[in-house]
């Protein structure tokens, strides 16, 4: 069943949840870099979020060379590989506030617009579609009572659960951290400080969700093995 994404965990437990990121067309499109820039400036934060993070939940990447939808389109439709590479290296993990992320993207595009004398226009069948996201959260039958259960839990966790608890959690938790860190801090902040520091060092953006899951499982296993 679906539920509100901010529903609180049972006291002392971590309720394992799953999710889907629904893509919703906004009706706005861009045919050149200036229109892309204006669309990003006006877009809802859920639109920025989708074009950065949505690719992780699709079966395959639009282009494995690039890590967000803006970079893919700039290369494929506008044939500006240099700008596409500059956009692709932007890491949303470094910008927990999506509006800060938007500003960084705009700064990169603005610098390109200032240097562009002859703007390229995309063909009619290659316009950029601004898509926004809506997350739908599902309950599962699993919940964790003790942090020592984390290694086994991660090995069996779905990719979408990893997305919900380790990535999307940053939009709804105090301090913009993942659900595992929030839970561990609630139980014993000092006792799990070393573990939460290691979790903070895992960047899920430039790898697949399966690789993130493996990194988390390994991190938990190493810690609790001691």
C-alpha atoms as a PDB file:
ATOM      1  CA  UNK A   1       0.000   0.000   0.000  1.00  0.00           C
ATOM      2  CA  UNK A   2       1.138   3.566  -0.606  1.00  0.00           C
ATOM      3  CA  UNK A   3       1.641   5.982   2.224  1.00  0.00           C
ATOM      4  CA  UNK A   4       2.930   9.415   3.091  1.00  0.00           C
ATOM      5  CA  UNK A   5       6.736   9.507   2.616  1.00  0.00           C
ATOM      6  CA  UNK A   6       7.231  11.260   5.965  1.00  0.00           C
ATOM      7  CA  UNK A   7       5.404   8.675   8.041  1.00  0.00           C
ATOM      8  CA  UNK A   8       7.485   8.088  11.177  1.00  0.00           C
ATOM      9  CA  UNK A   9       9.133   4.754  11.951  1.00  0.00           C
ATOM     10  CA  UNK A  10       7.837   2.619  14.845  1.00  0.00           C
ATOM     11  CA  UNK A  11       9.632   3.683  18.050  1.00  0.00           C
ATOM     12  CA  UNK A  12      13.110   2.180  18.173  1.00  0.00           C
ATOM     13  CA  UNK A  13      12.740   0.377  14.847  1.00  0.00           C
ATOM     14  CA  UNK A  14      13.593   1.068  11.242  1.00  0.00           C
ATOM     15  CA  UNK A  15      10.615   0.206   9.064  1.00  0.00           C
ATOM     16  CA  UNK A  16      11.906  -0.918   5.659  1.00  0.00           C
ATOM     17  CA  UNK A  17       9.963   0.743   2.864  1.00  0.00           C
ATOM     18  CA  UNK A  18       9.954   0.646  -0.895  1.00  0.00           C
ATOM     19  CA  UNK A  19       9.128   3.337  -3.413  1.00  0.00           C
ATOM     20  CA  UNK A  20       8.527   4.341  -7.004  1.00  0.00           C
ATOM     21  CA  UNK A  21       9.451   7.659  -8.585  1.00  0.00           C
ATOM     22  CA  UNK A  22       6.586   8.647 -10.872  1.00  0.00           C
ATOM     23  CA  UNK A  23       7.459  10.840 -13.867  1.00  0.00           C
ATOM     24  CA  UNK A  24       4.917  13.588 -14.629  1.00  0.00           C
ATOM     25  CA  UNK A  25       5.083  15.740 -17.764  1.00  0.00           C
ATOM     26  CA  UNK A  26       4.983  19.482 -17.133  1.00  0.00           C
ATOM     27  CA  UNK A  27       4.185  20.457 -20.723  1.00  0.00           C
ATOM     28  CA  UNK A  28       7.202  22.753 -20.927  1.00  0.00           C
ATOM     29  CA  UNK A  29       9.913  22.138 -23.506  1.00  0.00           C
ATOM     30  CA  UNK A  30      13.190  23.728 -24.575  1.00  0.00           C
ATOM     31  CA  UNK A  31      14.738  23.976 -28.021  1.00  0.00           C
ATOM     32  CA  UNK A  32      17.974  25.822 -27.234  1.00  0.00           C
ATOM     33  CA  UNK A  33      20.289  26.556 -24.327  1.00  0.00           C
ATOM     34  CA  UNK A  34      18.554  29.799 -23.347  1.00  0.00           C
ATOM     35  CA  UNK A  35      15.179  28.049 -23.135  1.00  0.00           C
ATOM     36  CA  UNK A  36      16.769  25.250 -21.107  1.00  0.00           C
ATOM     37  CA  UNK A  37      18.210  27.853 -18.752  1.00  0.00           C
ATOM     38  CA  UNK A  38      14.872  29.658 -18.363  1.00  0.00           C
ATOM     39  CA  UNK A  39      13.028  26.387 -17.804  1.00  0.00           C
ATOM     40  CA  UNK A  40      15.446  25.302 -15.072  1.00  0.00           C
ATOM     41  CA  UNK A  41      15.096  28.709 -13.395  1.00  0.00           C
ATOM     42  CA  UNK A  42      11.297  28.381 -13.300  1.00  0.00           C
ATOM     43  CA  UNK A  43      11.006  24.646 -12.662  1.00  0.00           C
ATOM     44  CA  UNK A  44       9.572  23.104  -9.528  1.00  0.00           C
ATOM     45  CA  UNK A  45      12.236  21.537  -7.297  1.00  0.00           C
ATOM     46  CA  UNK A  46      10.731  18.109  -8.068  1.00  0.00           C
ATOM     47  CA  UNK A  47      11.661  18.691 -11.702  1.00  0.00           C
ATOM     48  CA  UNK A  48      15.298  19.404 -10.858  1.00  0.00           C
ATOM     49  CA  UNK A  49      15.290  16.352  -8.584  1.00  0.00           C
ATOM     50  CA  UNK A  50      13.923  14.089 -11.324  1.00  0.00           C
ATOM     51  CA  UNK A  51      16.442  15.095 -13.974  1.00  0.00           C
ATOM     52  CA  UNK A  52      19.324  14.462 -11.566  1.00  0.00           C
ATOM     53  CA  UNK A  53      18.188  11.385  -9.648  1.00  0.00           C
ATOM     54  CA  UNK A  54      15.495   9.776 -11.821  1.00  0.00           C
ATOM     55  CA  UNK A  55      17.987   8.010 -14.067  1.00  0.00           C
ATOM     56  CA  UNK A  56      19.042   5.731 -11.216  1.00  0.00           C
ATOM     57  CA  UNK A  57      15.575   4.160 -11.153  1.00  0.00           C
ATOM     58  CA  UNK A  58      15.250   3.577 -14.882  1.00  0.00           C
ATOM     59  CA  UNK A  59      16.305   0.159 -16.229  1.00  0.00           C
ATOM     60  CA  UNK A  60      19.150   1.723 -18.228  1.00  0.00           C
ATOM     61  CA  UNK A  61      20.828   5.112 -18.317  1.00  0.00           C
ATOM     62  CA  UNK A  62      19.937   7.444 -21.189  1.00  0.00           C
ATOM     63  CA  UNK A  63      23.679   7.733 -21.830  1.00  0.00           C
ATOM     64  CA  UNK A  64      26.209   6.100 -19.491  1.00  0.00           C
ATOM     65  CA  UNK A  65      28.690   8.910 -20.115  1.00  0.00           C
ATOM     66  CA  UNK A  66      26.482  11.481 -18.378  1.00  0.00           C
ATOM     67  CA  UNK A  67      24.766  11.515 -15.012  1.00  0.00           C
ATOM     68  CA  UNK A  68      21.809  13.862 -15.450  1.00  0.00           C
ATOM     69  CA  UNK A  69      19.179  14.588 -18.053  1.00  0.00           C
ATOM     70  CA  UNK A  70      20.398  18.118 -18.745  1.00  0.00           C
ATOM     71  CA  UNK A  71      23.875  16.898 -19.702  1.00  0.00           C
ATOM     72  CA  UNK A  72      22.485  14.144 -21.934  1.00  0.00           C
ATOM     73  CA  UNK A  73      20.313  16.585 -23.883  1.00  0.00           C
ATOM     74  CA  UNK A  74      23.025  19.222 -24.232  1.00  0.00           C
ATOM     75  CA  UNK A  75      25.271  16.637 -25.872  1.00  0.00           C
ATOM     76  CA  UNK A  76      22.700  14.761 -27.960  1.00  0.00           C
ATOM     77  CA  UNK A  77      20.537  17.675 -29.132  1.00  0.00           C
ATOM     78  CA  UNK A  78      22.886  20.676 -28.989  1.00  0.00           C
ATOM     79  CA  UNK A  79      26.119  18.747 -29.677  1.00  0.00           C
ATOM     80  CA  UNK A  80      27.972  20.665 -26.975  1.00  0.00           C
ATOM     81  CA  UNK A  81      30.116  17.963 -25.426  1.00  0.00           C
ATOM     82  CA  UNK A  82      32.209  20.346 -23.317  1.00  0.00           C
ATOM     83  CA  UNK A  83      29.156  21.820 -21.596  1.00  0.00           C
ATOM     84  CA  UNK A  84      27.612  18.371 -21.210  1.00  0.00           C
ATOM     85  CA  UNK A  85      30.712  17.199 -19.352  1.00  0.00           C
ATOM     86  CA  UNK A  86      30.644  20.256 -17.073  1.00  0.00           C
ATOM     87  CA  UNK A  87      27.002  19.598 -16.229  1.00  0.00           C
ATOM     88  CA  UNK A  88      27.572  15.878 -15.754  1.00  0.00           C
ATOM     89  CA  UNK A  89      30.173  16.279 -13.007  1.00  0.00           C
ATOM     90  CA  UNK A  90      27.785  18.291 -10.817  1.00  0.00           C
ATOM     91  CA  UNK A  91      27.092  16.094  -7.787  1.00  0.00           C
ATOM     92  CA  UNK A  92      23.669  16.724  -6.202  1.00  0.00           C
ATOM     93  CA  UNK A  93      24.946  15.159  -2.972  1.00  0.00           C
ATOM     94  CA  UNK A  94      27.039  18.323  -2.568  1.00  0.00           C
ATOM     95  CA  UNK A  95      23.853  20.414  -2.719  1.00  0.00           C
ATOM     96  CA  UNK A  96      21.262  19.023  -0.264  1.00  0.00           C
ATOM     97  CA  UNK A  97      19.086  22.075  -0.924  1.00  0.00           C
ATOM     98  CA  UNK A  98      17.682  21.569  -4.430  1.00  0.00           C
ATOM     99  CA  UNK A  99      17.503  25.321  -4.972  1.00  0.00           C
ATOM    100  CA  UNK A 100      21.252  25.502  -4.342  1.00  0.00           C
ATOM    101  CA  UNK A 101      21.675  22.725  -6.904  1.00  0.00           C
ATOM    102  CA  UNK A 102      19.533  24.694  -9.367  1.00  0.00           C
ATOM    103  CA  UNK A 103      21.690  27.794  -8.845  1.00  0.00           C
ATOM    104  CA  UNK A 104      24.867  25.837  -9.534  1.00  0.00           C
ATOM    105  CA  UNK A 105      23.416  24.454 -12.780  1.00  0.00           C
ATOM    106  CA  UNK A 106      22.327  27.939 -13.836  1.00  0.00           C
ATOM    107  CA  UNK A 107      25.782  29.352 -13.133  1.00  0.00           C
ATOM    108  CA  UNK A 108      27.344  26.737 -15.420  1.00  0.00           C
ATOM    109  CA  UNK A 109      24.838  27.394 -18.203  1.00  0.00           C
ATOM    110  CA  UNK A 110      25.073  31.180 -17.842  1.00  0.00           C
ATOM    111  CA  UNK A 111      28.838  31.078 -18.305  1.00  0.00           C
ATOM    112  CA  UNK A 112      28.313  29.096 -21.507  1.00  0.00           C
ATOM    113  CA  UNK A 113      25.634  31.492 -22.783  1.00  0.00           C
ATOM    114  CA  UNK A 114      27.965  34.447 -22.265  1.00  0.00           C
ATOM    115  CA  UNK A 115      30.566  32.763 -24.456  1.00  0.00           C
ATOM    116  CA  UNK A 116      28.149  31.569 -27.152  1.00  0.00           C
ATOM    117  CA  UNK A 117      27.832  33.695 -30.278  1.00  0.00           C
ATOM    118  CA  UNK A 118      25.739  31.337 -32.436  1.00  0.00           C
ATOM    119  CA  UNK A 119      23.304  29.305 -30.296  1.00  0.00           C
ATOM    120  CA  UNK A 120      22.396  25.860 -31.562  1.00  0.00           C
ATOM    121  CA  UNK A 121      18.700  24.971 -31.929  1.00  0.00           C
ATOM    122  CA  UNK A 122      17.564  21.396 -31.386  1.00  0.00           C
ATOM    123  CA  UNK A 123      15.508  19.652 -34.093  1.00  0.00           C
ATOM    124  CA  UNK A 124      11.757  19.398 -33.565  1.00  0.00           C
ATOM    125  CA  UNK A 125      12.044  15.752 -32.570  1.00  0.00           C
ATOM    126  CA  UNK A 126      14.811  16.476 -30.078  1.00  0.00           C
ATOM    127  CA  UNK A 127      13.328  19.080 -27.743  1.00  0.00           C
ATOM    128  CA  UNK A 128      13.997  18.862 -24.009  1.00  0.00           C
ATOM    129  CA  UNK A 129      10.948  17.819 -21.982  1.00  0.00           C
ATOM    130  CA  UNK A 130      10.795  19.111 -18.432  1.00  0.00           C
ATOM    131  CA  UNK A 131       9.572  16.270 -16.227  1.00  0.00           C
ATOM    132  CA  UNK A 132       8.795  16.468 -12.542  1.00  0.00           C
ATOM    133  CA  UNK A 133       8.760  13.602 -10.093  1.00  0.00           C
ATOM    134  CA  UNK A 134       6.431  12.368  -7.401  1.00  0.00           C
ATOM    135  CA  UNK A 135       7.537   9.673  -5.008  1.00  0.00           C
ATOM    136  CA  UNK A 136       5.102   6.946  -4.006  1.00  0.00           C
ATOM    137  CA  UNK A 137       6.086   5.047  -0.858  1.00  0.00           C
ATOM    138  CA  UNK A 138       5.089   1.463  -0.044  1.00  0.00           C
ATOM    139  CA  UNK A 139       5.134  -0.374   3.261  1.00  0.00           C
ATOM    140  CA  UNK A 140       6.897  -3.717   3.441  1.00  0.00           C
ATOM    141  CA  UNK A 141       6.602  -6.478   6.005  1.00  0.00           C
ATOM    142  CA  UNK A 142      10.150  -5.883   7.208  1.00  0.00           C
ATOM    143  CA  UNK A 143      11.406  -3.802  10.101  1.00  0.00           C
ATOM    144  CA  UNK A 144      14.710  -3.799  11.946  1.00  0.00           C
ATOM    145  CA  UNK A 145      14.865  -3.832  15.734  1.00  0.00           C
ATOM    146  CA  UNK A 146      18.642  -3.684  16.158  1.00  0.00           C
ATOM    147  CA  UNK A 147      21.401  -2.128  14.012  1.00  0.00           C
ATOM    148  CA  UNK A 148      23.245  -5.461  13.940  1.00  0.00           C
ATOM    149  CA  UNK A 149      20.524  -6.614  11.505  1.00  0.00           C
ATOM    150  CA  UNK A 150      21.662  -4.077   8.909  1.00  0.00           C
ATOM    151  CA  UNK A 151      24.252  -6.220   7.053  1.00  0.00           C
ATOM    152  CA  UNK A 152      21.767  -8.981   6.218  1.00  0.00           C
ATOM    153  CA  UNK A 153      18.984  -6.486   5.543  1.00  0.00           C
ATOM    154  CA  UNK A 154      21.049  -4.598   2.961  1.00  0.00           C
ATOM    155  CA  UNK A 155      22.040  -7.738   1.107  1.00  0.00           C
ATOM    156  CA  UNK A 156      18.357  -8.481   0.488  1.00  0.00           C
ATOM    157  CA  UNK A 157      17.084  -4.926   0.036  1.00  0.00           C
ATOM    158  CA  UNK A 158      15.613  -3.898  -3.322  1.00  0.00           C
ATOM    159  CA  UNK A 159      17.227  -1.160  -5.375  1.00  0.00           C
ATOM    160  CA  UNK A 160      14.200   1.050  -4.837  1.00  0.00           C
ATOM    161  CA  UNK A 161      14.380   0.588  -1.069  1.00  0.00           C
ATOM    162  CA  UNK A 162      18.011   1.652  -1.208  1.00  0.00           C
ATOM    163  CA  UNK A 163      16.947   4.722  -3.161  1.00  0.00           C
ATOM    164  CA  UNK A 164      14.266   5.586  -0.608  1.00  0.00           C
ATOM    165  CA  UNK A 165      16.337   5.079   2.529  1.00  0.00           C
ATOM    166  CA  UNK A 166      19.758   6.267   1.364  1.00  0.00           C
ATOM    167  CA  UNK A 167      18.991   8.925  -1.265  1.00  0.00           C
ATOM    168  CA  UNK A 168      15.480  10.271  -1.013  1.00  0.00           C
ATOM    169  CA  UNK A 169      15.743  10.394   2.801  1.00  0.00           C
ATOM    170  CA  UNK A 170      18.025  13.400   2.461  1.00  0.00           C
ATOM    171  CA  UNK A 171      15.028  15.506   1.414  1.00  0.00           C
ATOM    172  CA  UNK A 172      13.057  14.744   4.580  1.00  0.00           C
ATOM    173  CA  UNK A 173      15.435  14.058   7.477  1.00  0.00           C
ATOM    174  CA  UNK A 174      16.984  16.532   9.929  1.00  0.00           C
ATOM    175  CA  UNK A 175      20.427  17.429   8.677  1.00  0.00           C
ATOM    176  CA  UNK A 176      19.683  16.026   5.190  1.00  0.00           C
ATOM    177  CA  UNK A 177      21.099  12.581   5.983  1.00  0.00           C
ATOM    178  CA  UNK A 178      20.052   9.044   5.107  1.00  0.00           C
ATOM    179  CA  UNK A 179      17.550   7.015   7.159  1.00  0.00           C
ATOM    180  CA  UNK A 180      20.229   4.647   8.476  1.00  0.00           C
ATOM    181  CA  UNK A 181      22.211   7.553   9.931  1.00  0.00           C
ATOM    182  CA  UNK A 182      19.084   9.068  11.474  1.00  0.00           C
ATOM    183  CA  UNK A 183      18.197   5.741  13.103  1.00  0.00           C
ATOM    184  CA  UNK A 184      21.705   5.114  14.397  1.00  0.00           C
ATOM    185  CA  UNK A 185      21.943   8.638  15.803  1.00  0.00           C
ATOM    186  CA  UNK A 186      18.616   8.193  17.585  1.00  0.00           C
ATOM    187  CA  UNK A 187      19.866   4.981  19.215  1.00  0.00           C
ATOM    188  CA  UNK A 188      23.415   6.000  20.155  1.00  0.00           C
ATOM    189  CA  UNK A 189      24.977   8.951  18.349  1.00  0.00           C
ATOM    190  CA  UNK A 190      28.416   8.566  19.955  1.00  0.00           C
ATOM    191  CA  UNK A 191      28.488   4.783  19.770  1.00  0.00           C
ATOM    192  CA  UNK A 192      27.791   4.729  16.053  1.00  0.00           C
ATOM    193  CA  UNK A 193      29.730   7.878  15.122  1.00  0.00           C
ATOM    194  CA  UNK A 194      32.403   5.923  13.262  1.00  0.00           C
ATOM    195  CA  UNK A 195      29.785   4.053  11.258  1.00  0.00           C
ATOM    196  CA  UNK A 196      27.756   7.143  10.338  1.00  0.00           C
ATOM    197  CA  UNK A 197      30.970   8.867   9.249  1.00  0.00           C
ATOM    198  CA  UNK A 198      31.614   5.987   6.863  1.00  0.00           C
ATOM    199  CA  UNK A 199      28.067   6.212   5.539  1.00  0.00           C
ATOM    200  CA  UNK A 200      28.565   9.916   4.852  1.00  0.00           C
ATOM    201  CA  UNK A 201      31.536   8.992   2.674  1.00  0.00           C
ATOM    202  CA  UNK A 202      29.455   6.818   0.322  1.00  0.00           C
ATOM    203  CA  UNK A 203      28.407   8.824  -2.733  1.00  0.00           C
ATOM    204  CA  UNK A 204      25.466   7.152  -4.519  1.00  0.00           C
ATOM    205  CA  UNK A 205      25.317   9.480  -7.507  1.00  0.00           C
ATOM    206  CA  UNK A 206      28.026   8.262  -9.865  1.00  0.00           C
ATOM    207  CA  UNK A 207      27.326   4.531  -9.426  1.00  0.00           C
ATOM    208  CA  UNK A 208      24.338   2.234  -9.809  1.00  0.00           C
ATOM    209  CA  UNK A 209      21.918   1.514  -6.984  1.00  0.00           C
ATOM    210  CA  UNK A 210      23.162  -2.074  -6.923  1.00  0.00           C
ATOM    211  CA  UNK A 211      26.701  -0.802  -6.338  1.00  0.00           C
ATOM    212  CA  UNK A 212      25.465   1.513  -3.591  1.00  0.00           C
ATOM    213  CA  UNK A 213      23.685  -1.400  -1.950  1.00  0.00           C
ATOM    214  CA  UNK A 214      26.905  -3.441  -2.056  1.00  0.00           C
ATOM    215  CA  UNK A 215      28.889  -0.561  -0.534  1.00  0.00           C
ATOM    216  CA  UNK A 216      26.359  -0.191   2.274  1.00  0.00           C
ATOM    217  CA  UNK A 217      26.253  -3.914   2.987  1.00  0.00           C
ATOM    218  CA  UNK A 218      30.044  -4.055   3.090  1.00  0.00           C
ATOM    219  CA  UNK A 219      30.243  -1.012   5.377  1.00  0.00           C
ATOM    220  CA  UNK A 220      27.742  -2.470   7.827  1.00  0.00           C
ATOM    221  CA  UNK A 221      29.373  -5.909   7.727  1.00  0.00           C
ATOM    222  CA  UNK A 222      32.838  -4.524   8.470  1.00  0.00           C
ATOM    223  CA  UNK A 223      31.555  -2.463  11.375  1.00  0.00           C
ATOM    224  CA  UNK A 224      29.494  -5.158  13.081  1.00  0.00           C
ATOM    225  CA  UNK A 225      32.082  -7.864  12.424  1.00  0.00           C
ATOM    226  CA  UNK A 226      34.281  -6.108  14.983  1.00  0.00           C
END
